[in-house]
Structures are given as C-alpha cells and as structure tokens.
PDB file of N, CA and C in Angstrom:
ATOM      1  N   MET A   1       1.265   3.798  28.022  1.00  0.00           N
ATOM      2  CA  MET A   1       0.353   4.565  27.712  1.00  0.00           C
ATOM      3  C   MET A   1       1.385   5.800  27.266  1.00  0.00           C
ATOM      4  N   ILE A   2       1.189   6.186  26.009  1.00  0.00           N
ATOM      5  CA  ILE A   2       1.753   7.225  25.343  1.00  0.00           C
ATOM      6  C   ILE A   2       0.719   8.386  24.649  1.00  0.00           C
ATOM      7  N   PHE A   3       0.603   8.993  24.859  1.00  0.00           N
ATOM      8  CA  PHE A   3      -0.416  10.021  24.722  1.00  0.00           C
ATOM      9  C   PHE A   3      -1.570   9.734  24.805  1.00  0.00           C
ATOM     10  N   GLY A   4      -2.009   8.878  25.656  1.00  0.00           N
ATOM     11  CA  GLY A   4      -3.292   8.421  26.067  1.00  0.00           C
ATOM     12  C   GLY A   4      -4.039   7.278  25.427  1.00  0.00           C
ATOM     13  N   PHE A   5      -2.576   6.803  24.678  1.00  0.00           N
ATOM     14  CA  PHE A   5      -3.349   5.308  23.474  1.00  0.00           C
ATOM     15  C   PHE A   5      -2.312   4.164  24.038  1.00  0.00           C
ATOM     16  N   ALA A   6      -3.054   3.420  23.928  1.00  0.00           N
ATOM     17  CA  ALA A   6      -2.111   1.848  24.204  1.00  0.00           C
ATOM     18  C   ALA A   6      -1.290   1.455  23.277  1.00  0.00           C
ATOM     19  N   GLU A   7      -0.282   0.555  23.362  1.00  0.00           N
ATOM     20  CA  GLU A   7       0.789   0.051  22.074  1.00  0.00           C
ATOM     21  C   GLU A   7      -0.228  -0.584  21.096  1.00  0.00           C
ATOM     22  N   ALA A   8      -1.151  -1.231  21.594  1.00  0.00           N
ATOM     23  CA  ALA A   8      -1.799  -2.281  20.489  1.00  0.00           C
ATOM     24  C   ALA A   8      -2.446  -0.891  19.661  1.00  0.00           C
ATOM     25  N   GLN A   9      -3.131   0.147  20.173  1.00  0.00           N
ATOM     26  CA  GLN A   9      -3.665   0.995  19.235  1.00  0.00           C
ATOM     27  C   GLN A   9      -2.648   2.013  18.425  1.00  0.00           C
ATOM     28  N   ILE A  10      -1.588   2.268  18.972  1.00  0.00           N
ATOM     29  CA  ILE A  10      -0.679   2.791  17.904  1.00  0.00           C
ATOM     30  C   ILE A  10      -0.033   1.894  16.973  1.00  0.00           C
ATOM     31  N   SER A  11      -0.112   0.737  17.117  1.00  0.00           N
ATOM     32  CA  SER A  11       0.366  -0.577  16.285  1.00  0.00           C
ATOM     33  C   SER A  11      -0.592  -0.794  15.063  1.00  0.00           C
ATOM     34  N   THR A  12      -1.996  -0.928  15.601  1.00  0.00           N
ATOM     35  CA  THR A  12      -2.997  -0.866  14.579  1.00  0.00           C
ATOM     36  C   THR A  12      -3.166   0.071  13.753  1.00  0.00           C
ATOM     37  N   PHE A  13      -3.012   1.568  14.166  1.00  0.00           N
ATOM     38  CA  PHE A  13      -2.735   2.982  13.321  1.00  0.00           C
ATOM     39  C   PHE A  13      -1.671   2.842  12.390  1.00  0.00           C
ATOM     40  N   GLY A  14      -0.761   2.458  12.702  1.00  0.00           N
ATOM     41  CA  GLY A  14       0.584   2.447  11.697  1.00  0.00           C
ATOM     42  C   GLY A  14       0.239   1.509  10.936  1.00  0.00           C
ATOM     43  N   LEU A  15      -0.242   0.115  11.651  1.00  0.00           N
ATOM     44  CA  LEU A  15      -0.402  -0.785  10.249  1.00  0.00           C
ATOM     45  C   LEU A  15      -1.539  -0.411   8.969  1.00  0.00           C
ATOM     46  N   THR A  16      -2.518   0.265   9.828  1.00  0.00           N
ATOM     47  CA  THR A  16      -3.483   0.672   8.705  1.00  0.00           C
ATOM     48  C   THR A  16      -3.146   1.897   7.757  1.00  0.00           C
ATOM     49  N   PHE A  17      -2.922   2.773   8.401  1.00  0.00           N
ATOM     50  CA  PHE A  17      -2.982   4.293   7.782  1.00  0.00           C
ATOM     51  C   PHE A  17      -1.255   4.551   7.680  1.00  0.00           C
ATOM     52  N   GLY A  18      -0.341   4.097   8.155  1.00  0.00           N
ATOM     53  CA  GLY A  18       1.109   4.288   7.757  1.00  0.00           C
ATOM     54  C   GLY A  18       1.554   3.420   6.566  1.00  0.00           C
ATOM     55  N   ILE A  19       1.043   2.210   6.525  1.00  0.00           N
ATOM     56  CA  ILE A  19       1.464   1.392   5.383  1.00  0.00           C
ATOM     57  C   ILE A  19       0.823   1.967   4.292  1.00  0.00           C
ATOM     58  N   ALA A  20      -0.784   2.192   4.439  1.00  0.00           N
ATOM     59  CA  ALA A  20      -1.410   2.645   3.407  1.00  0.00           C
ATOM     60  C   ALA A  20      -0.921   3.992   2.782  1.00  0.00           C
ATOM     61  N   ALA A  21      -0.589   5.154   3.108  1.00  0.00           N
ATOM     62  CA  ALA A  21       0.351   6.137   2.620  1.00  0.00           C
ATOM     63  C   ALA A  21       1.293   5.665   2.161  1.00  0.00           C
ATOM     64  N   PHE A  22       2.399   4.718   2.921  1.00  0.00           N
ATOM     65  CA  PHE A  22       3.408   4.338   1.983  1.00  0.00           C
ATOM     66  C   PHE A  22       2.975   3.559   0.881  1.00  0.00           C
ATOM     67  N   MET A  23       2.030   2.854   0.790  1.00  0.00           N
ATOM     68  CA  MET A  23       1.660   2.232  -0.495  1.00  0.00           C
ATOM     69  C   MET A  23       1.514   3.335  -1.415  1.00  0.00           C
ATOM     70  N   LEU A  24       0.347   4.210  -0.980  1.00  0.00           N
ATOM     71  CA  LEU A  24       0.182   5.317  -2.286  1.00  0.00           C
ATOM     72  C   LEU A  24       1.612   5.902  -2.610  1.00  0.00           C
ATOM     73  N   TYR A  25       2.864   6.573  -1.327  1.00  0.00           N
ATOM     74  CA  TYR A  25       3.497   7.121  -2.083  1.00  0.00           C
ATOM     75  C   TYR A  25       4.169   5.976  -2.978  1.00  0.00           C
ATOM     76  N   MET A  26       4.240   4.568  -2.956  1.00  0.00           N
ATOM     77  CA  MET A  26       4.955   3.636  -3.996  1.00  0.00           C
ATOM     78  C   MET A  26       4.445   3.675  -5.170  1.00  0.00           C
ATOM     79  N   LEU A  27       3.026   4.271  -5.239  1.00  0.00           N
ATOM     80  CA  LEU A  27       2.336   4.093  -6.297  1.00  0.00           C
ATOM     81  C   LEU A  27       2.689   5.201  -7.400  1.00  0.00           C
ATOM     82  N   PHE A  28       2.829   6.191  -6.584  1.00  0.00           N
ATOM     83  CA  PHE A  28       3.364   7.957  -6.913  1.00  0.00           C
ATOM     84  C   PHE A  28       4.849   7.677  -7.766  1.00  0.00           C
ATOM     85  N   ILE A  29       5.749   6.883  -6.850  1.00  0.00           N
ATOM     86  CA  ILE A  29       6.864   6.624  -7.247  1.00  0.00           C
ATOM     87  C   ILE A  29       7.047   5.776  -8.671  1.00  0.00           C
ATOM     88  N   ILE A  30       5.967   4.592  -8.929  1.00  0.00           N
ATOM     89  CA  ILE A  30       5.958   3.615 -10.014  1.00  0.00           C
ATOM     90  C   ILE A  30       5.640   4.712 -11.280  1.00  0.00           C
ATOM     91  N   GLY A  31       4.301   5.317 -11.006  1.00  0.00           N
ATOM     92  CA  GLY A  31       4.100   6.513 -12.157  1.00  0.00           C
ATOM     93  C   GLY A  31       4.899   7.416 -12.525  1.00  0.00           C
ATOM     94  N   GLN A  32       5.706   7.759 -11.559  1.00  0.00           N
ATOM     95  CA  GLN A  32       7.104   8.602 -12.097  1.00  0.00           C
ATOM     96  C   GLN A  32       7.919   7.965 -12.964  1.00  0.00           C
ATOM     97  N   LEU A  33       8.278   6.718 -12.572  1.00  0.00           N
ATOM     98  CA  LEU A  33       9.485   5.830 -13.302  1.00  0.00           C
ATOM     99  C   LEU A  33       8.716   5.559 -14.723  1.00  0.00           C
ATOM    100  N   ALA A  34       7.142   5.517 -14.833  1.00  0.00           N
ATOM    101  CA  ALA A  34       6.730   5.048 -15.979  1.00  0.00           C
ATOM    102  C   ALA A  34       6.702   6.621 -16.583  1.00  0.00           C
ATOM    103  N   TRP A  35       6.615   7.636 -16.288  1.00  0.00           N
ATOM    104  CA  TRP A  35       6.665   9.041 -16.972  1.00  0.00           C
ATOM    105  C   TRP A  35       8.032   9.230 -17.470  1.00  0.00           C
ATOM    106  N   GLU A  36       9.043   9.311 -16.465  1.00  0.00           N
ATOM    107  CA  GLU A  36      10.066   9.580 -16.712  1.00  0.00           C
ATOM    108  C   GLU A  36      10.867   8.710 -18.134  1.00  0.00           C
ATOM    109  N   SER A  37      10.662   7.391 -17.886  1.00  0.00           N
ATOM    110  CA  SER A  37      11.078   6.623 -18.797  1.00  0.00           C
ATOM    111  C   SER A  37      10.201   6.352 -20.163  1.00  0.00           C
ATOM    112  N   LYS A  38       9.111   7.125 -20.074  1.00  0.00           N
ATOM    113  CA  LYS A  38       8.299   7.201 -21.545  1.00  0.00           C
ATOM    114  C   LYS A  38       7.855   5.457 -21.893  1.00  0.00           C
ATOM    115  N   ALA A  39       7.622   5.293 -20.952  1.00  0.00           N
ATOM    116  CA  ALA A  39       6.807   3.719 -21.137  1.00  0.00           C
ATOM    117  C   ALA A  39       5.850   3.421 -22.045  1.00  0.00           C
ATOM    118  N   GLY A  40       5.045   4.361 -22.292  1.00  0.00           N
ATOM    119  CA  GLY A  40       3.749   4.168 -22.653  1.00  0.00           C
ATOM    120  C   GLY A  40       2.772   3.501 -22.241  1.00  0.00           C
ATOM    121  N   LYS A  41       1.550   3.273 -22.824  1.00  0.00           N
ATOM    122  CA  LYS A  41       0.217   2.263 -21.969  1.00  0.00           C
ATOM    123  C   LYS A  41       0.982   1.050 -21.595  1.00  0.00           C
ATOM    124  N   LEU A  42       1.484   0.205 -22.405  1.00  0.00           N
ATOM    125  CA  LEU A  42       1.798  -1.252 -22.171  1.00  0.00           C
ATOM    126  C   LEU A  42       3.080  -1.185 -20.934  1.00  0.00           C
ATOM    127  N   GLY A  43       3.978  -0.280 -21.231  1.00  0.00           N
ATOM    128  CA  GLY A  43       4.909  -0.571 -20.101  1.00  0.00           C
ATOM    129  C   GLY A  43       4.652   0.287 -19.089  1.00  0.00           C
ATOM    130  N   THR A  44       3.370   1.281 -18.725  1.00  0.00           N
ATOM    131  CA  THR A  44       2.971   1.209 -17.642  1.00  0.00           C
ATOM    132  C   THR A  44       2.424   0.545 -16.783  1.00  0.00           C
ATOM    133  N   PHE A  45       1.369  -0.092 -17.590  1.00  0.00           N
ATOM    134  CA  PHE A  45       1.038  -1.336 -17.324  1.00  0.00           C
ATOM    135  C   PHE A  45       1.700  -2.244 -16.558  1.00  0.00           C
ATOM    136  N   VAL A  46       2.563  -2.822 -17.277  1.00  0.00           N
ATOM    137  CA  VAL A  46       3.556  -3.760 -16.795  1.00  0.00           C
ATOM    138  C   VAL A  46       4.281  -3.198 -15.644  1.00  0.00           C
ATOM    139  N   LEU A  47       4.863  -1.848 -15.526  1.00  0.00           N
ATOM    140  CA  LEU A  47       5.355  -1.149 -14.348  1.00  0.00           C
ATOM    141  C   LEU A  47       4.370  -1.428 -12.908  1.00  0.00           C
ATOM    142  N   PHE A  48       3.220  -1.179 -13.344  1.00  0.00           N
ATOM    143  CA  PHE A  48       2.444  -1.109 -11.927  1.00  0.00           C
ATOM    144  C   PHE A  48       1.894  -2.739 -11.669  1.00  0.00           C
ATOM    145  N   ILE A  49       1.769  -3.611 -12.743  1.00  0.00           N
ATOM    146  CA  ILE A  49       1.621  -4.878 -12.400  1.00  0.00           C
ATOM    147  C   ILE A  49       2.850  -5.411 -11.359  1.00  0.00           C
ATOM    148  N   SER A  50       3.858  -5.294 -12.134  1.00  0.00           N
ATOM    149  CA  SER A  50       5.082  -6.164 -11.770  1.00  0.00           C
ATOM    150  C   SER A  50       5.465  -5.512 -10.358  1.00  0.00           C
ATOM    151  N   LEU A  51       5.611  -3.988 -10.191  1.00  0.00           N
ATOM    152  CA  LEU A  51       6.247  -3.686  -9.133  1.00  0.00           C
ATOM    153  C   LEU A  51       4.864  -3.369  -8.024  1.00  0.00           C
ATOM    154  N   GLY A  52       3.714  -3.251  -8.228  1.00  0.00           N
ATOM    155  CA  GLY A  52       2.636  -3.127  -7.073  1.00  0.00           C
ATOM    156  C   GLY A  52       2.084  -4.720  -6.862  1.00  0.00           C
ATOM    157  N   PHE A  53       2.824  -5.496  -7.345  1.00  0.00           N
ATOM    158  CA  PHE A  53       1.988  -6.691  -6.998  1.00  0.00           C
ATOM    159  C   PHE A  53       2.268  -7.498  -5.345  1.00  0.00           C
ATOM    160  N   GLY A  54       3.183  -6.791  -4.838  1.00  0.00           N
ATOM    161  CA  GLY A  54       3.468  -7.090  -3.460  1.00  0.00           C
ATOM    162  C   GLY A  54       2.521  -6.469  -2.652  1.00  0.00           C
ATOM    163  N   MET A  55       1.853  -5.416  -3.002  1.00  0.00           N
ATOM    164  CA  MET A  55       0.995  -4.615  -2.242  1.00  0.00           C
ATOM    165  C   MET A  55      -0.362  -5.283  -2.143  1.00  0.00           C
ATOM    166  N   THR A  56      -0.777  -6.376  -3.277  1.00  0.00           N
ATOM    167  CA  THR A  56      -1.893  -6.873  -3.423  1.00  0.00           C
ATOM    168  C   THR A  56      -2.058  -7.782  -2.083  1.00  0.00           C
ATOM    169  N   GLY A  57      -0.866  -8.464  -1.531  1.00  0.00           N
ATOM    170  CA  GLY A  57      -1.294  -9.279  -0.889  1.00  0.00           C
ATOM    171  C   GLY A  57      -1.388  -8.548   0.653  1.00  0.00           C
ATOM    172  N   PHE A  58      -0.711  -7.365   1.041  1.00  0.00           N
ATOM    173  CA  PHE A  58      -1.252  -6.808   2.020  1.00  0.00           C
ATOM    174  C   PHE A  58      -2.779  -6.178   2.029  1.00  0.00           C
ATOM    175  N   ILE A  59      -3.030  -5.991   0.880  1.00  0.00           N
ATOM    176  CA  ILE A  59      -4.511  -5.458   0.815  1.00  0.00           C
ATOM    177  C   ILE A  59      -5.326  -6.580   0.986  1.00  0.00           C
ATOM    178  N   ALA A  60      -5.343  -7.672   0.523  1.00  0.00           N
ATOM    179  CA  ALA A  60      -5.964  -9.190   0.648  1.00  0.00           C
ATOM    180  C   ALA A  60      -6.040  -9.391   1.880  1.00  0.00           C
ATOM    181  N   LYS A  61      -4.735  -9.230   3.053  1.00  0.00           N
ATOM    182  CA  LYS A  61      -4.929  -9.729   4.077  1.00  0.00           C
ATOM    183  C   LYS A  61      -5.909  -8.522   4.924  1.00  0.00           C
ATOM    184  N   GLN A  62      -6.083  -7.499   4.602  1.00  0.00           N
ATOM    185  CA  GLN A  62      -6.860  -6.370   5.339  1.00  0.00           C
ATOM    186  C   GLN A  62      -8.272  -7.094   4.818  1.00  0.00           C
ATOM    187  N   ILE A  63      -8.662  -7.299   3.809  1.00  0.00           N
ATOM    188  CA  ILE A  63     -10.056  -7.559   3.409  1.00  0.00           C
ATOM    189  C   ILE A  63     -10.357  -9.041   4.077  1.00  0.00           C
ATOM    190  N   ILE A  64      -9.402  -9.478   3.705  1.00  0.00           N
ATOM    191  CA  ILE A  64     -10.002 -11.271   4.766  1.00  0.00           C
ATOM    192  C   ILE A  64      -9.988 -10.928   6.272  1.00  0.00           C
ATOM    193  N   GLN A  65      -9.406  -9.964   6.723  1.00  0.00           N
ATOM    194  CA  GLN A  65      -9.453  -9.776   8.176  1.00  0.00           C
ATOM    195  C   GLN A  65     -10.351  -9.209   8.771  1.00  0.00           C
ATOM    196  N   TRP A  66     -11.185  -8.263   7.534  1.00  0.00           N
ATOM    197  CA  TRP A  66     -11.920  -7.262   7.548  1.00  0.00           C
ATOM    198  C   TRP A  66     -13.293  -8.365   7.937  1.00  0.00           C
ATOM    199  N   TYR A  67     -13.494  -9.259   6.796  1.00  0.00           N
ATOM    200  CA  TYR A  67     -14.441 -10.049   6.457  1.00  0.00           C
ATOM    201  C   TYR A  67     -14.724 -11.284   7.577  1.00  0.00           C
ATOM    202  N   LEU A  68     -13.818 -11.774   7.913  1.00  0.00           N
ATOM    203  CA  LEU A  68     -13.756 -12.713   9.477  1.00  0.00           C
ATOM    204  C   LEU A  68     -14.172 -12.275  10.637  1.00  0.00           C
ATOM    205  N   THR A  69     -13.711 -10.975  10.637  1.00  0.00           N
ATOM    206  CA  THR A  69     -14.396  -9.994  11.798  1.00  0.00           C
ATOM    207  C   THR A  69     -15.750  -9.278  11.956  1.00  0.00           C
ATOM    208  N   ARG A  70     -16.034  -9.453  10.914  1.00  0.00           N
ATOM    209  CA  ARG A  70     -17.354  -8.545  10.824  1.00  0.00           C
ATOM    210  C   ARG A  70     -18.737  -9.421  11.084  1.00  0.00           C
TER     211      ARG A  70
END
C-alpha cells in the first residue's frame, strides 16, 4: 500500500490518465510540427494520421475492454 492505494490501483490510474495525458501532449507536439513547418491543410492531416496512428490501437483497446466488461 502506497498512500492508501494498492499497486493495481496505481497501475490502472497510470495506464488510463497518465497515458491519456501523454497522448494529448503528443498531439500538441504534432500540431507544433505542422505549424512550424507550414505544412498546410493536407500536410497537417498527413502528419496527424501518420504520427498519431499508433494512438488508435491504445484507444481501441480501451474501448474494447470497456465494452466487454460492461
């Protein structure tokens, strides 16, 4: 027990909120890259799709887990 929380509770919190915060920060970085490179609409879209593609797997996993445990 750390600060009254079990290890499983801390891991669950880190996986949900910690990684979600990190993903939002990654979206900010991708937007900053698009802005500084003056990528335009299509270039910005391609940057978000290509660099943000890895996030879709994690989001899909969370949605599938929520649906199966519901």
